[in-house]
Amino acid sequence: MFDLEYYTLPNGEKPVATFIDSLDVQMRVKALGSFAILAEYGNLLREPYSKAVSNGLFELRIKFAGDITRIFYFFCTKNTIVLTNGFLKKTQKTPKRQIELALKYKTDYEKRKQDG
């Protein structure tokens, strides 16, 4: 079993929590169900649920009634997964801006952990 943690900005905001709150109820329920699957399987989770993106970053792939949501995450310690940010997928390709943001959060998290 893995622990899930929301990445927290220095101001206390949690981008992935804000994103989850913005989803309609059915997609939110589906996303939280996907979190449970991620917590159970962690690094053994594969497509269609999860896919490696780059530099240790993964995306949790959530689909409900034709809508597609992606939530980025990375592994922090042996059993901790950090969820960074998410978006509603509207195009075939994942927006580069979203990946860059997730990687920025990952770098910030690791730096603060190291300095911690």
N, C-alpha and C. Protein backbone atom coordinates (compact mmCIF):
# COMPACT_ATOMS: atom_id res chain seq x y z
N MET A 1 0.84 -1.19 0.00
CA MET A 1 0.00 0.00 0.00
C MET A 1 0.89 1.25 0.00
N PHE A 2 0.53 2.21 -0.82
CA PHE A 2 1.29 3.45 -0.94
C PHE A 2 0.52 4.60 -0.29
N ASP A 3 1.26 5.57 0.24
CA ASP A 3 0.64 6.78 0.77
C ASP A 3 0.59 7.82 -0.34
N LEU A 4 -0.55 8.50 -0.46
CA LEU A 4 -0.68 9.57 -1.45
C LEU A 4 -0.58 10.90 -0.73
N GLU A 5 0.18 11.80 -1.32
CA GLU A 5 0.36 13.13 -0.74
C GLU A 5 0.11 14.16 -1.84
N TYR A 6 -0.57 15.24 -1.50
CA TYR A 6 -0.77 16.33 -2.46
C TYR A 6 0.41 17.28 -2.36
N TYR A 7 1.00 17.60 -3.51
CA TYR A 7 2.04 18.62 -3.54
C TYR A 7 1.45 19.93 -3.02
N THR A 8 2.22 20.62 -2.16
CA THR A 8 1.76 21.87 -1.58
C THR A 8 2.71 23.00 -1.98
N LEU A 9 2.14 24.06 -2.54
CA LEU A 9 2.93 25.25 -2.88
C LEU A 9 3.39 25.93 -1.59
N PRO A 10 4.43 26.76 -1.64
CA PRO A 10 4.88 27.47 -0.44
C PRO A 10 3.77 28.27 0.25
N ASN A 11 2.75 28.71 -0.52
CA ASN A 11 1.65 29.50 0.07
C ASN A 11 0.56 28.61 0.69
N GLY A 12 0.78 27.28 0.65
CA GLY A 12 -0.19 26.36 1.25
C GLY A 12 -1.22 25.80 0.28
N GLU A 13 -1.28 26.35 -0.92
CA GLU A 13 -2.23 25.86 -1.91
C GLU A 13 -1.81 24.48 -2.42
N LYS A 14 -2.80 23.62 -2.68
CA LYS A 14 -2.55 22.28 -3.22
C LYS A 14 -3.21 22.21 -4.61
N PRO A 15 -2.40 22.40 -5.68
CA PRO A 15 -2.97 22.47 -7.03
C PRO A 15 -3.86 21.28 -7.40
N VAL A 16 -3.48 20.08 -7.01
CA VAL A 16 -4.29 18.92 -7.40
C VAL A 16 -5.62 18.91 -6.65
N ALA A 17 -5.63 19.38 -5.41
CA ALA A 17 -6.88 19.45 -4.64
C ALA A 17 -7.82 20.48 -5.28
N THR A 18 -7.27 21.61 -5.69
CA THR A 18 -8.06 22.65 -6.36
C THR A 18 -8.65 22.09 -7.65
N PHE A 19 -7.84 21.33 -8.39
CA PHE A 19 -8.31 20.74 -9.64
C PHE A 19 -9.43 19.73 -9.37
N ILE A 20 -9.24 18.85 -8.42
CA ILE A 20 -10.25 17.83 -8.09
C ILE A 20 -11.56 18.52 -7.70
N ASP A 21 -11.47 19.58 -6.90
CA ASP A 21 -12.67 20.32 -6.48
C ASP A 21 -13.40 20.94 -7.66
N SER A 22 -12.68 21.22 -8.74
CA SER A 22 -13.29 21.88 -9.91
C SER A 22 -14.05 20.90 -10.81
N LEU A 23 -13.83 19.61 -10.61
CA LEU A 23 -14.46 18.60 -11.46
C LEU A 23 -15.93 18.40 -11.10
N ASP A 24 -16.73 17.94 -12.08
CA ASP A 24 -18.11 17.62 -11.74
C ASP A 24 -18.12 16.38 -10.85
N VAL A 25 -19.21 16.15 -10.18
CA VAL A 25 -19.28 15.12 -9.14
C VAL A 25 -18.88 13.73 -9.65
N GLN A 26 -19.40 13.33 -10.81
CA GLN A 26 -19.09 11.98 -11.31
C GLN A 26 -17.60 11.81 -11.62
N MET A 27 -17.01 12.82 -12.25
CA MET A 27 -15.58 12.73 -12.56
C MET A 27 -14.75 12.76 -11.28
N ARG A 28 -15.19 13.54 -10.30
CA ARG A 28 -14.48 13.60 -9.01
C ARG A 28 -14.49 12.23 -8.34
N VAL A 29 -15.65 11.58 -8.35
CA VAL A 29 -15.76 10.24 -7.76
C VAL A 29 -14.83 9.26 -8.49
N LYS A 30 -14.83 9.34 -9.81
CA LYS A 30 -13.97 8.47 -10.62
C LYS A 30 -12.49 8.74 -10.31
N ALA A 31 -12.12 10.03 -10.18
CA ALA A 31 -10.73 10.39 -9.87
C ALA A 31 -10.33 9.84 -8.50
N LEU A 32 -11.18 10.01 -7.51
CA LEU A 32 -10.86 9.52 -6.17
C LEU A 32 -10.77 7.99 -6.15
N GLY A 33 -11.58 7.33 -6.97
CA GLY A 33 -11.47 5.88 -7.12
C GLY A 33 -10.15 5.49 -7.75
N SER A 34 -9.69 6.29 -8.69
CA SER A 34 -8.40 6.05 -9.34
C SER A 34 -7.26 6.26 -8.35
N PHE A 35 -7.43 7.20 -7.41
CA PHE A 35 -6.42 7.41 -6.36
C PHE A 35 -6.29 6.15 -5.52
N ALA A 36 -7.42 5.50 -5.22
CA ALA A 36 -7.40 4.27 -4.42
C ALA A 36 -6.64 3.15 -5.16
N ILE A 37 -6.86 3.07 -6.48
CA ILE A 37 -6.15 2.07 -7.29
C ILE A 37 -4.65 2.37 -7.30
N LEU A 38 -4.30 3.65 -7.45
CA LEU A 38 -2.90 4.06 -7.44
C LEU A 38 -2.26 3.73 -6.08
N ALA A 39 -2.98 4.01 -5.00
CA ALA A 39 -2.46 3.73 -3.66
C ALA A 39 -2.23 2.23 -3.46
N GLU A 40 -3.09 1.43 -4.06
CA GLU A 40 -2.96 -0.02 -3.90
C GLU A 40 -1.82 -0.60 -4.74
N TYR A 41 -1.72 -0.16 -5.99
CA TYR A 41 -0.76 -0.78 -6.91
C TYR A 41 0.54 0.00 -7.10
N GLY A 42 0.52 1.31 -6.87
CA GLY A 42 1.73 2.13 -6.95
C GLY A 42 2.52 1.92 -8.22
N ASN A 43 3.80 1.53 -8.05
CA ASN A 43 4.70 1.41 -9.21
C ASN A 43 4.39 0.21 -10.09
N LEU A 44 3.41 -0.62 -9.72
CA LEU A 44 3.00 -1.73 -10.58
C LEU A 44 1.85 -1.33 -11.52
N LEU A 45 1.29 -0.15 -11.31
CA LEU A 45 0.16 0.32 -12.12
C LEU A 45 0.64 0.67 -13.53
N ARG A 46 -0.05 0.17 -14.53
CA ARG A 46 0.30 0.38 -15.94
C ARG A 46 -0.92 0.88 -16.71
N GLU A 47 -0.75 1.03 -18.02
CA GLU A 47 -1.86 1.43 -18.88
C GLU A 47 -2.96 0.38 -18.77
N PRO A 48 -4.20 0.77 -18.82
CA PRO A 48 -4.72 2.09 -19.19
C PRO A 48 -4.81 3.08 -18.02
N TYR A 49 -4.41 2.66 -16.80
CA TYR A 49 -4.55 3.54 -15.64
C TYR A 49 -3.43 4.57 -15.49
N SER A 50 -2.24 4.20 -15.88
CA SER A 50 -1.08 5.06 -15.65
C SER A 50 -0.10 4.96 -16.81
N LYS A 51 0.64 6.05 -17.02
CA LYS A 51 1.64 6.06 -18.08
C LYS A 51 2.80 6.95 -17.67
N ALA A 52 4.01 6.51 -17.94
CA ALA A 52 5.19 7.33 -17.68
C ALA A 52 5.21 8.50 -18.66
N VAL A 53 5.57 9.69 -18.14
CA VAL A 53 5.61 10.89 -18.98
C VAL A 53 7.05 11.27 -19.27
N SER A 54 7.80 11.65 -18.24
CA SER A 54 9.23 11.96 -18.39
C SER A 54 9.85 12.27 -17.05
N ASN A 55 11.16 12.04 -16.94
CA ASN A 55 11.93 12.39 -15.73
C ASN A 55 11.28 11.93 -14.42
N GLY A 56 10.79 10.70 -14.38
CA GLY A 56 10.18 10.20 -13.15
C GLY A 56 8.77 10.69 -12.90
N LEU A 57 8.19 11.34 -13.89
CA LEU A 57 6.82 11.85 -13.80
C LEU A 57 5.87 10.89 -14.51
N PHE A 58 4.72 10.65 -13.89
CA PHE A 58 3.71 9.76 -14.46
C PHE A 58 2.38 10.50 -14.54
N GLU A 59 1.47 9.97 -15.36
CA GLU A 59 0.13 10.53 -15.40
C GLU A 59 -0.87 9.45 -15.04
N LEU A 60 -1.80 9.80 -14.17
CA LEU A 60 -2.92 8.95 -13.83
C LEU A 60 -4.00 9.26 -14.86
N ARG A 61 -4.46 8.23 -15.56
CA ARG A 61 -5.38 8.41 -16.69
C ARG A 61 -6.80 8.06 -16.26
N ILE A 62 -7.67 9.06 -16.29
CA ILE A 62 -9.04 8.88 -15.80
C ILE A 62 -10.01 9.25 -16.91
N LYS A 63 -10.96 8.35 -17.15
CA LYS A 63 -11.93 8.58 -18.22
C LYS A 63 -13.32 8.33 -17.67
N PHE A 64 -14.25 9.24 -17.99
CA PHE A 64 -15.63 9.05 -17.57
C PHE A 64 -16.56 9.69 -18.61
N ALA A 65 -17.44 8.90 -19.17
CA ALA A 65 -18.46 9.38 -20.11
C ALA A 65 -17.90 10.30 -21.20
N GLY A 66 -16.81 9.89 -21.80
CA GLY A 66 -16.24 10.68 -22.90
C GLY A 66 -15.30 11.78 -22.46
N ASP A 67 -15.29 12.11 -21.17
CA ASP A 67 -14.36 13.12 -20.65
C ASP A 67 -13.09 12.43 -20.17
N ILE A 68 -11.96 13.09 -20.38
CA ILE A 68 -10.68 12.52 -19.99
C ILE A 68 -9.96 13.51 -19.08
N THR A 69 -9.49 12.98 -17.96
CA THR A 69 -8.74 13.78 -16.99
C THR A 69 -7.38 13.13 -16.80
N ARG A 70 -6.37 13.96 -16.61
CA ARG A 70 -5.03 13.47 -16.31
C ARG A 70 -4.55 14.14 -15.03
N ILE A 71 -3.93 13.36 -14.17
CA ILE A 71 -3.33 13.90 -12.94
C ILE A 71 -1.90 13.39 -12.88
N PHE A 72 -0.96 14.31 -12.72
CA PHE A 72 0.45 13.96 -12.68
C PHE A 72 0.87 13.57 -11.27
N TYR A 73 1.83 12.64 -11.21
CA TYR A 73 2.36 12.22 -9.92
C TYR A 73 3.79 11.71 -10.08
N PHE A 74 4.48 11.60 -8.95
CA PHE A 74 5.81 11.00 -8.93
C PHE A 74 6.00 10.28 -7.60
N PHE A 75 7.00 9.42 -7.56
CA PHE A 75 7.31 8.66 -6.36
C PHE A 75 8.36 9.43 -5.57
N CYS A 76 8.07 9.64 -4.29
CA CYS A 76 8.96 10.43 -3.45
C CYS A 76 9.88 9.51 -2.65
N THR A 77 9.30 8.57 -1.94
CA THR A 77 10.07 7.59 -1.18
C THR A 77 9.57 6.22 -1.60
N LYS A 78 10.04 5.22 -0.93
CA LYS A 78 9.67 3.85 -1.26
C LYS A 78 8.14 3.65 -1.34
N ASN A 79 7.40 4.32 -0.45
CA ASN A 79 5.95 4.10 -0.45
C ASN A 79 5.12 5.38 -0.45
N THR A 80 5.72 6.49 -0.89
CA THR A 80 4.96 7.75 -0.97
C THR A 80 4.88 8.23 -2.41
N ILE A 81 3.66 8.57 -2.82
CA ILE A 81 3.40 9.10 -4.16
C ILE A 81 2.89 10.52 -3.98
N VAL A 82 3.48 11.46 -4.71
CA VAL A 82 3.07 12.86 -4.63
C VAL A 82 2.28 13.22 -5.89
N LEU A 83 1.04 13.70 -5.68
CA LEU A 83 0.18 14.14 -6.78
C LEU A 83 0.39 15.64 -6.96
N THR A 84 0.68 16.06 -8.18
CA THR A 84 1.04 17.47 -8.39
C THR A 84 -0.09 18.33 -8.93
N ASN A 85 -0.55 18.04 -10.12
CA ASN A 85 -1.57 18.87 -10.78
C ASN A 85 -2.33 18.02 -11.78
N GLY A 86 -3.44 18.57 -12.25
CA GLY A 86 -4.24 17.83 -13.21
C GLY A 86 -4.89 18.76 -14.22
N PHE A 87 -5.47 18.16 -15.24
CA PHE A 87 -6.15 18.95 -16.26
C PHE A 87 -7.16 18.08 -16.99
N LEU A 88 -8.13 18.73 -17.61
CA LEU A 88 -9.09 18.05 -18.49
C LEU A 88 -8.45 17.95 -19.86
N LYS A 89 -8.38 16.76 -20.38
CA LYS A 89 -7.72 16.56 -21.67
C LYS A 89 -8.69 16.84 -22.80
N LYS A 90 -8.33 17.79 -23.64
CA LYS A 90 -9.19 18.20 -24.76
C LYS A 90 -8.58 17.86 -26.11
N THR A 91 -7.27 17.59 -26.11
CA THR A 91 -6.58 17.31 -27.38
C THR A 91 -5.88 15.95 -27.27
N GLN A 92 -5.42 15.44 -28.41
CA GLN A 92 -4.75 14.14 -28.46
C GLN A 92 -3.46 14.15 -27.64
N LYS A 93 -2.72 15.25 -27.75
CA LYS A 93 -1.41 15.34 -27.11
C LYS A 93 -1.54 16.09 -25.78
N THR A 94 -0.81 15.61 -24.78
CA THR A 94 -0.80 16.28 -23.48
C THR A 94 -0.11 17.63 -23.63
N PRO A 95 -0.75 18.72 -23.18
CA PRO A 95 -0.14 20.05 -23.31
C PRO A 95 1.22 20.12 -22.60
N LYS A 96 2.21 20.59 -23.33
CA LYS A 96 3.57 20.71 -22.81
C LYS A 96 3.60 21.56 -21.54
N ARG A 97 2.76 22.59 -21.51
CA ARG A 97 2.72 23.49 -20.36
C ARG A 97 2.36 22.74 -19.07
N GLN A 98 1.44 21.79 -19.18
CA GLN A 98 1.02 21.01 -18.01
C GLN A 98 2.15 20.10 -17.52
N ILE A 99 2.86 19.49 -18.45
CA ILE A 99 3.99 18.63 -18.10
C ILE A 99 5.08 19.46 -17.44
N GLU A 100 5.39 20.63 -18.03
CA GLU A 100 6.42 21.50 -17.46
C GLU A 100 6.06 21.95 -16.05
N LEU A 101 4.78 22.25 -15.83
CA LEU A 101 4.32 22.65 -14.51
C LEU A 101 4.51 21.52 -13.50
N ALA A 102 4.13 20.30 -13.89
CA ALA A 102 4.29 19.14 -13.01
C ALA A 102 5.76 18.90 -12.69
N LEU A 103 6.63 19.03 -13.69
CA LEU A 103 8.06 18.84 -13.46
C LEU A 103 8.62 19.94 -12.54
N LYS A 104 8.11 21.16 -12.69
CA LYS A 104 8.52 22.26 -11.82
C LYS A 104 8.12 21.95 -10.36
N TYR A 105 6.91 21.47 -10.18
CA TYR A 105 6.44 21.11 -8.84
C TYR A 105 7.29 19.98 -8.26
N LYS A 106 7.62 19.00 -9.08
CA LYS A 106 8.45 17.87 -8.64
C LYS A 106 9.82 18.35 -8.18
N THR A 107 10.44 19.20 -8.98
CA THR A 107 11.76 19.75 -8.64
C THR A 107 11.68 20.56 -7.34
N ASP A 108 10.66 21.39 -7.22
CA ASP A 108 10.47 22.20 -6.01
C ASP A 108 10.29 21.30 -4.79
N TYR A 109 9.45 20.29 -4.92
CA TYR A 109 9.19 19.37 -3.82
C TYR A 109 10.48 18.69 -3.36
N GLU A 110 11.24 18.17 -4.31
CA GLU A 110 12.48 17.47 -3.99
C GLU A 110 13.50 18.41 -3.35
N LYS A 111 13.58 19.65 -3.83
CA LYS A 111 14.51 20.62 -3.26
C LYS A 111 14.14 20.95 -1.82
N ARG A 112 12.84 21.18 -1.59
CA ARG A 112 12.39 21.51 -0.23
C ARG A 112 12.56 20.34 0.73
N LYS A 113 12.37 19.12 0.22
CA LYS A 113 12.57 17.91 1.04
C LYS A 113 14.04 17.80 1.44
N GLN A 114 14.91 18.07 0.47
CA GLN A 114 16.35 17.98 0.68
C GLN A 114 16.82 19.04 1.67
N ASP A 115 16.28 20.27 1.51
CA ASP A 115 16.67 21.37 2.40
C ASP A 115 16.06 21.21 3.78
N GLY A 116 14.89 20.54 3.80
CA GLY A 116 14.02 20.37 4.93
C GLY A 116 14.55 20.16 6.25
